[in-house]
Amino acid sequence: TIDALEYRNYNNFDLIYVAALVGSTPAIKDTIIMNIHKNMMKDSLLLCRYSSGAKKLLYPSISDEIIKKVKPVIEVVPTHSIINSFFILQKT
């Protein structure tokens, strides 16, 4: 296995998926997302699952600072029994 913070070949992929359970805290999750974003190729997509509201107790969320630093394409927030929301972010 490879640590997400040590891996640098994210530029080999058009789409990268970050699971909701990535990172034990929001700060660690943000660091992982920024490392991936920094090493992605231009125009590739990053799908980041996260939880909001009381569901943050289960999985770390993504900070507003991350959303300001990268280009969000879409945010999907389910209103039913689905636990995770997600952002699709694009490297520009």
Protein backbone atom coordinates (compact mmCIF):
# COMPACT_ATOMS: atom_id res chain seq x y z
CA THR A 1 0.00 0.00 0.00
CA ILE A 2 1.04 3.61 -0.56
CA ASP A 3 0.33 6.60 1.67
CA ALA A 4 -1.83 9.21 -0.09
CA LEU A 5 0.54 11.97 1.05
CA GLU A 6 3.60 10.21 -0.39
CA TYR A 7 2.10 9.23 -3.73
CA ARG A 8 2.87 11.72 -6.52
CA ASN A 9 1.56 10.10 -9.73
CA TYR A 10 -1.97 11.47 -9.52
CA ASN A 11 -1.31 13.06 -12.93
CA ASN A 12 -1.84 9.60 -14.50
CA PHE A 13 -5.60 9.76 -13.89
CA ASP A 14 -8.55 11.71 -15.31
CA LEU A 15 -10.68 11.11 -12.21
CA ILE A 16 -9.57 10.50 -8.63
CA TYR A 17 -12.00 9.35 -5.95
CA VAL A 18 -11.50 10.30 -2.30
CA ALA A 19 -13.64 8.24 0.06
CA ALA A 20 -15.52 9.86 2.94
CA LEU A 21 -13.45 7.94 5.48
CA VAL A 22 -10.12 9.38 4.24
CA GLY A 23 -8.31 11.21 7.04
CA SER A 24 -8.99 10.86 10.73
CA THR A 25 -9.66 14.61 11.08
CA PRO A 26 -10.85 17.37 8.71
CA ALA A 27 -7.32 18.85 8.75
CA ILE A 28 -5.75 15.58 7.60
CA LYS A 29 -8.44 15.13 4.95
CA ASP A 30 -7.76 18.68 3.68
CA THR A 31 -4.01 17.97 3.52
CA ILE A 32 -4.60 14.80 1.51
CA ILE A 33 -6.98 16.58 -0.88
CA MET A 34 -4.52 19.43 -1.44
CA ASN A 35 -1.67 16.97 -2.09
CA ILE A 36 -3.77 15.16 -4.67
CA HIS A 37 -4.88 18.44 -6.24
CA LYS A 38 -1.30 19.72 -6.46
CA ASN A 39 -0.18 16.57 -8.31
CA MET A 40 -3.19 16.15 -10.64
CA MET A 41 -3.03 16.95 -14.33
CA LYS A 42 -4.87 19.98 -15.67
CA ASP A 43 -8.62 19.49 -16.29
CA SER A 44 -8.76 16.21 -14.33
CA LEU A 45 -11.50 15.72 -11.75
CA LEU A 46 -11.42 14.95 -8.05
CA LEU A 47 -14.55 13.42 -6.51
CA CYS A 48 -14.50 13.98 -2.74
CA ARG A 49 -17.11 12.36 -0.54
CA TYR A 50 -17.82 13.96 2.82
CA SER A 51 -20.45 14.22 5.53
CA SER A 52 -22.25 17.30 6.77
CA GLY A 53 -24.35 18.18 9.80
CA ALA A 54 -24.57 15.51 12.48
CA LYS A 55 -23.09 13.02 10.01
CA LYS A 56 -19.68 14.68 10.59
CA LEU A 57 -19.48 12.45 13.65
CA LEU A 58 -18.99 9.52 11.28
CA TYR A 59 -16.63 11.00 8.69
CA PRO A 60 -14.47 14.14 8.47
CA SER A 61 -15.82 16.97 6.34
CA ILE A 62 -13.99 19.16 3.81
CA SER A 63 -13.13 22.67 4.96
CA ASP A 64 -14.41 25.80 3.25
CA GLU A 65 -10.77 26.79 2.63
CA ILE A 66 -10.31 23.79 0.33
CA ILE A 67 -13.42 24.69 -1.65
CA LYS A 68 -12.09 28.24 -2.09
CA LYS A 69 -8.69 26.99 -3.33
CA VAL A 70 -9.95 24.55 -5.96
CA LYS A 71 -12.65 24.82 -8.60
CA PRO A 72 -15.88 23.08 -7.54
CA VAL A 73 -17.81 21.75 -10.53
CA ILE A 74 -20.77 20.48 -8.53
CA GLU A 75 -21.83 19.67 -4.98
CA VAL A 76 -24.40 16.95 -4.30
CA VAL A 77 -26.09 16.85 -0.89
CA PRO A 78 -28.62 14.01 -0.55
CA THR A 79 -31.77 14.74 1.44
CA HIS A 80 -32.72 11.15 2.21
CA SER A 81 -31.03 8.15 3.86
CA ILE A 82 -27.73 8.46 1.94
CA ILE A 83 -25.03 9.45 4.43
CA ASN A 84 -22.39 11.04 2.21
CA SER A 85 -22.44 14.20 0.14
CA PHE A 86 -19.78 14.87 -2.47
CA PHE A 87 -17.97 17.56 -4.39
CA ILE A 88 -16.53 17.18 -7.85
CA LEU A 89 -13.52 19.48 -8.06
CA GLN A 90 -11.55 20.29 -11.19
CA LYS A 91 -7.86 21.11 -11.55
CA THR A 92 -7.60 24.24 -13.70
